[in-house]
Structures are given as C-alpha cells and as structure tokens.
PDB file of N, CA and C in Angstrom:
ATOM      1  N   UNK A   1       8.150 -18.866   2.381  1.00  0.00           N
ATOM      2  CA  UNK A   1       7.147 -19.665   3.048  1.00  0.00           C
ATOM      3  C   UNK A   1       7.252 -21.107   2.552  1.00  0.00           C
ATOM      4  N   UNK A   2       7.254 -22.044   3.475  1.00  0.00           N
ATOM      5  CA  UNK A   2       7.374 -23.448   3.146  1.00  0.00           C
ATOM      6  C   UNK A   2       5.986 -24.038   2.905  1.00  0.00           C
ATOM      7  N   UNK A   3       5.793 -24.637   1.747  1.00  0.00           N
ATOM      8  CA  UNK A   3       4.507 -25.253   1.420  1.00  0.00           C
ATOM      9  C   UNK A   3       4.596 -26.747   1.708  1.00  0.00           C
ATOM     10  N   UNK A   4       3.599 -27.268   2.382  1.00  0.00           N
ATOM     11  CA  UNK A   4       3.537 -28.699   2.615  1.00  0.00           C
ATOM     12  C   UNK A   4       2.223 -29.232   2.082  1.00  0.00           C
ATOM     13  N   UNK A   5       2.289 -30.438   1.574  1.00  0.00           N
ATOM     14  CA  UNK A   5       1.098 -31.065   1.034  1.00  0.00           C
ATOM     15  C   UNK A   5       0.152 -31.399   2.185  1.00  0.00           C
ATOM     16  N   UNK A   6      -1.130 -31.286   1.935  1.00  0.00           N
ATOM     17  CA  UNK A   6      -2.148 -31.562   2.941  1.00  0.00           C
ATOM     18  C   UNK A   6      -3.094 -32.619   2.412  1.00  0.00           C
ATOM     19  N   UNK A   7      -3.840 -33.246   3.321  1.00  0.00           N
ATOM     20  CA  UNK A   7      -4.741 -34.327   2.948  1.00  0.00           C
ATOM     21  C   UNK A   7      -6.142 -34.024   3.446  1.00  0.00           C
ATOM     22  N   UNK A   8      -7.128 -34.339   2.628  1.00  0.00           N
ATOM     23  CA  UNK A   8      -8.527 -34.141   2.993  1.00  0.00           C
ATOM     24  C   UNK A   8      -8.963 -35.273   3.920  1.00  0.00           C
ATOM     25  N   UNK A   9      -9.653 -34.941   5.003  1.00  0.00           N
ATOM     26  CA  UNK A   9     -10.119 -35.956   5.946  1.00  0.00           C
ATOM     27  C   UNK A   9     -11.270 -36.777   5.369  1.00  0.00           C
ATOM     28  N   UNK A  10     -12.068 -36.166   4.532  1.00  0.00           N
ATOM     29  CA  UNK A  10     -13.272 -36.820   4.013  1.00  0.00           C
ATOM     30  C   UNK A  10     -12.982 -37.738   2.825  1.00  0.00           C
ATOM     31  N   UNK A  11     -12.337 -37.204   1.782  1.00  0.00           N
ATOM     32  CA  UNK A  11     -12.154 -37.996   0.556  1.00  0.00           C
ATOM     33  C   UNK A  11     -10.734 -38.546   0.383  1.00  0.00           C
ATOM     34  N   UNK A  12      -9.766 -38.078   1.190  1.00  0.00           N
ATOM     35  CA  UNK A  12      -8.403 -38.596   1.122  1.00  0.00           C
ATOM     36  C   UNK A  12      -7.553 -38.003   0.011  1.00  0.00           C
ATOM     37  N   UNK A  13      -8.038 -36.969  -0.648  1.00  0.00           N
ATOM     38  CA  UNK A  13      -7.298 -36.328  -1.737  1.00  0.00           C
ATOM     39  C   UNK A  13      -6.203 -35.418  -1.170  1.00  0.00           C
ATOM     40  N   UNK A  14      -5.052 -35.384  -1.838  1.00  0.00           N
ATOM     41  CA  UNK A  14      -3.943 -34.525  -1.439  1.00  0.00           C
ATOM     42  C   UNK A  14      -4.008 -33.206  -2.199  1.00  0.00           C
ATOM     43  N   UNK A  15      -3.677 -32.103  -1.503  1.00  0.00           N
ATOM     44  CA  UNK A  15      -3.709 -30.777  -2.103  1.00  0.00           C
ATOM     45  C   UNK A  15      -2.783 -29.848  -1.330  1.00  0.00           C
ATOM     46  N   UNK A  16      -2.533 -28.670  -1.860  1.00  0.00           N
ATOM     47  CA  UNK A  16      -1.760 -27.645  -1.163  1.00  0.00           C
ATOM     48  C   UNK A  16      -2.669 -26.600  -0.534  1.00  0.00           C
ATOM     49  N   UNK A  17      -3.968 -26.717  -0.742  1.00  0.00           N
ATOM     50  CA  UNK A  17      -4.925 -25.724  -0.268  1.00  0.00           C
ATOM     51  C   UNK A  17      -5.449 -26.065   1.127  1.00  0.00           C
ATOM     52  N   UNK A  18      -6.033 -25.070   1.805  1.00  0.00           N
ATOM     53  CA  UNK A  18      -6.600 -25.256   3.144  1.00  0.00           C
ATOM     54  C   UNK A  18      -7.875 -26.097   3.105  1.00  0.00           C
ATOM     55  N   UNK A  19      -8.632 -25.975   2.015  1.00  0.00           N
ATOM     56  CA  UNK A  19      -9.862 -26.745   1.842  1.00  0.00           C
ATOM     57  C   UNK A  19      -9.741 -27.603   0.591  1.00  0.00           C
ATOM     58  N   UNK A  20     -10.340 -28.776   0.629  1.00  0.00           N
ATOM     59  CA  UNK A  20     -10.289 -29.711  -0.491  1.00  0.00           C
ATOM     60  C   UNK A  20     -11.037 -29.129  -1.690  1.00  0.00           C
ATOM     61  N   UNK A  21     -10.405 -29.124  -2.873  1.00  0.00           N
ATOM     62  CA  UNK A  21     -11.090 -28.597  -4.052  1.00  0.00           C
ATOM     63  C   UNK A  21     -12.214 -29.509  -4.548  1.00  0.00           C
ATOM     64  N   UNK A  22     -12.210 -30.775  -4.144  1.00  0.00           N
ATOM     65  CA  UNK A  22     -13.227 -31.722  -4.598  1.00  0.00           C
ATOM     66  C   UNK A  22     -14.486 -31.672  -3.734  1.00  0.00           C
ATOM     67  N   UNK A  23     -14.307 -31.774  -2.409  1.00  0.00           N
ATOM     68  CA  UNK A  23     -15.476 -31.846  -1.525  1.00  0.00           C
ATOM     69  C   UNK A  23     -15.634 -30.630  -0.614  1.00  0.00           C
ATOM     70  N   UNK A  24     -14.613 -29.772  -0.516  1.00  0.00           N
ATOM     71  CA  UNK A  24     -14.709 -28.566   0.304  1.00  0.00           C
ATOM     72  C   UNK A  24     -14.389 -28.768   1.779  1.00  0.00           C
ATOM     73  N   UNK A  25     -14.034 -29.981   2.166  1.00  0.00           N
ATOM     74  CA  UNK A  25     -13.701 -30.292   3.564  1.00  0.00           C
ATOM     75  C   UNK A  25     -12.346 -29.685   3.933  1.00  0.00           C
ATOM     76  N   UNK A  26     -12.149 -29.377   5.218  1.00  0.00           N
ATOM     77  CA  UNK A  26     -10.883 -28.825   5.702  1.00  0.00           C
ATOM     78  C   UNK A  26      -9.800 -29.898   5.602  1.00  0.00           C
ATOM     79  N   UNK A  27      -8.589 -29.487   5.206  1.00  0.00           N
ATOM     80  CA  UNK A  27      -7.474 -30.421   5.064  1.00  0.00           C
ATOM     81  C   UNK A  27      -6.573 -30.370   6.295  1.00  0.00           C
ATOM     82  N   UNK A  28      -5.726 -31.392   6.455  1.00  0.00           N
ATOM     83  CA  UNK A  28      -4.796 -31.449   7.579  1.00  0.00           C
ATOM     84  C   UNK A  28      -3.424 -31.876   7.081  1.00  0.00           C
ATOM     85  N   UNK A  29      -2.419 -31.674   7.900  1.00  0.00           N
ATOM     86  CA  UNK A  29      -1.046 -32.033   7.582  1.00  0.00           C
ATOM     87  C   UNK A  29      -0.847 -33.513   7.928  1.00  0.00           C
ATOM     88  N   UNK A  30      -0.611 -34.403   6.941  1.00  0.00           N
ATOM     89  CA  UNK A  30      -0.484 -35.830   7.223  1.00  0.00           C
ATOM     90  C   UNK A  30       0.898 -36.256   7.722  1.00  0.00           C
ATOM     91  N   UNK A  31       1.844 -35.329   7.790  1.00  0.00           N
ATOM     92  CA  UNK A  31       3.204 -35.660   8.203  1.00  0.00           C
ATOM     93  C   UNK A  31       3.307 -35.702   9.729  1.00  0.00           C
ATOM     94  N   UNK A  32       3.991 -36.716  10.287  1.00  0.00           N
ATOM     95  CA  UNK A  32       4.171 -36.767  11.740  1.00  0.00           C
ATOM     96  C   UNK A  32       5.165 -35.701  12.199  1.00  0.00           C
ATOM     97  N   UNK A  33       5.079 -35.276  13.464  1.00  0.00           N
ATOM     98  CA  UNK A  33       6.044 -34.295  13.969  1.00  0.00           C
ATOM     99  C   UNK A  33       7.442 -34.914  14.070  1.00  0.00           C
ATOM    100  N   UNK A  34       8.466 -34.077  14.045  1.00  0.00           N
ATOM    101  CA  UNK A  34       9.836 -34.568  14.168  1.00  0.00           C
ATOM    102  C   UNK A  34      10.036 -35.188  15.547  1.00  0.00           C
ATOM    103  N   UNK A  35      10.839 -36.250  15.610  1.00  0.00           N
ATOM    104  CA  UNK A  35      11.104 -36.940  16.863  1.00  0.00           C
ATOM    105  C   UNK A  35      12.489 -36.562  17.368  1.00  0.00           C
ATOM    106  N   UNK A  36      12.571 -36.247  18.655  1.00  0.00           N
ATOM    107  CA  UNK A  36      13.846 -35.913  19.268  1.00  0.00           C
ATOM    108  C   UNK A  36      13.853 -36.442  20.699  1.00  0.00           C
ATOM    109  N   UNK A  37      14.939 -37.067  21.108  1.00  0.00           N
ATOM    110  CA  UNK A  37      15.045 -37.555  22.482  1.00  0.00           C
ATOM    111  C   UNK A  37      15.200 -36.411  23.474  1.00  0.00           C
ATOM    112  N   UNK A  38      15.600 -35.238  23.004  1.00  0.00           N
ATOM    113  CA  UNK A  38      15.759 -34.069  23.865  1.00  0.00           C
ATOM    114  C   UNK A  38      14.455 -33.289  24.031  1.00  0.00           C
ATOM    115  N   UNK A  39      13.378 -33.787  23.474  1.00  0.00           N
ATOM    116  CA  UNK A  39      12.084 -33.105  23.529  1.00  0.00           C
ATOM    117  C   UNK A  39      11.586 -33.058  24.973  1.00  0.00           C
ATOM    118  N   UNK A  40      11.269 -31.852  25.465  1.00  0.00           N
ATOM    119  CA  UNK A  40      10.830 -31.724  26.854  1.00  0.00           C
ATOM    120  C   UNK A  40       9.406 -32.249  27.061  1.00  0.00           C
ATOM    121  N   UNK A  41       8.655 -32.487  25.993  1.00  0.00           N
ATOM    122  CA  UNK A  41       7.294 -33.018  26.103  1.00  0.00           C
ATOM    123  C   UNK A  41       7.212 -34.491  25.716  1.00  0.00           C
ATOM    124  N   UNK A  42       8.358 -35.162  25.605  1.00  0.00           N
ATOM    125  CA  UNK A  42       8.399 -36.553  25.173  1.00  0.00           C
ATOM    126  C   UNK A  42       7.570 -37.458  26.081  1.00  0.00           C
ATOM    127  N   UNK A  43       7.731 -37.323  27.393  1.00  0.00           N
ATOM    128  CA  UNK A  43       6.995 -38.182  28.326  1.00  0.00           C
ATOM    129  C   UNK A  43       5.489 -38.001  28.183  1.00  0.00           C
ATOM    130  N   UNK A  44       5.047 -36.762  28.070  1.00  0.00           N
ATOM    131  CA  UNK A  44       3.613 -36.502  27.922  1.00  0.00           C
ATOM    132  C   UNK A  44       3.074 -37.087  26.622  1.00  0.00           C
ATOM    133  N   UNK A  45       3.833 -36.961  25.555  1.00  0.00           N
ATOM    134  CA  UNK A  45       3.398 -37.477  24.264  1.00  0.00           C
ATOM    135  C   UNK A  45       3.321 -39.002  24.284  1.00  0.00           C
ATOM    136  N   UNK A  46       4.293 -39.655  24.909  1.00  0.00           N
ATOM    137  CA  UNK A  46       4.282 -41.112  24.988  1.00  0.00           C
ATOM    138  C   UNK A  46       3.122 -41.612  25.845  1.00  0.00           C
ATOM    139  N   UNK A  47       2.808 -40.907  26.930  1.00  0.00           N
ATOM    140  CA  UNK A  47       1.662 -41.280  27.763  1.00  0.00           C
ATOM    141  C   UNK A  47       0.358 -41.136  26.991  1.00  0.00           C
ATOM    142  N   UNK A  48       0.254 -40.091  26.198  1.00  0.00           N
ATOM    143  CA  UNK A  48      -0.961 -39.858  25.410  1.00  0.00           C
ATOM    144  C   UNK A  48      -1.138 -40.934  24.343  1.00  0.00           C
ATOM    145  N   UNK A  49      -0.043 -41.423  23.770  1.00  0.00           N
ATOM    146  CA  UNK A  49      -0.121 -42.473  22.755  1.00  0.00           C
ATOM    147  C   UNK A  49      -0.589 -43.790  23.354  1.00  0.00           C
ATOM    148  N   UNK A  50      -0.216 -44.072  24.603  1.00  0.00           N
ATOM    149  CA  UNK A  50      -0.582 -45.336  25.242  1.00  0.00           C
ATOM    150  C   UNK A  50      -2.057 -45.407  25.612  1.00  0.00           C
ATOM    151  N   UNK A  51      -2.700 -44.248  25.775  1.00  0.00           N
ATOM    152  CA  UNK A  51      -4.116 -44.236  26.170  1.00  0.00           C
ATOM    153  C   UNK A  51      -5.033 -44.665  25.073  1.00  0.00           C
TER     154      UNK A  51
END
C-alpha cells in the first residue's frame, strides 16, 4: 500500500492519518493529479479550471 502525506484543511498540518491529530479535521491529498496530453477528460478539466 502506498502512503501519501495528507494536509489538514483547518490548521494546515501535514500527517499520514485520515484525520488531523491536532484539531481532528478531515485531511486531504495536497498533491495535484498527474498531467497527460492523452487524458480523455483533459478538455473537461480545462473548462472547469477556467470557470
């Protein structure tokens, strides 16, 4: 299983856990998705970014 570091939305602390050990808030993956020109959803993603 691949572990990735996560970030707390509330306090900004980095952790490997699903919830922040400091404030208990849910964490998220701060890494952007991989970019590929062959991505079949590229047009939709670019349109969503422009909005």
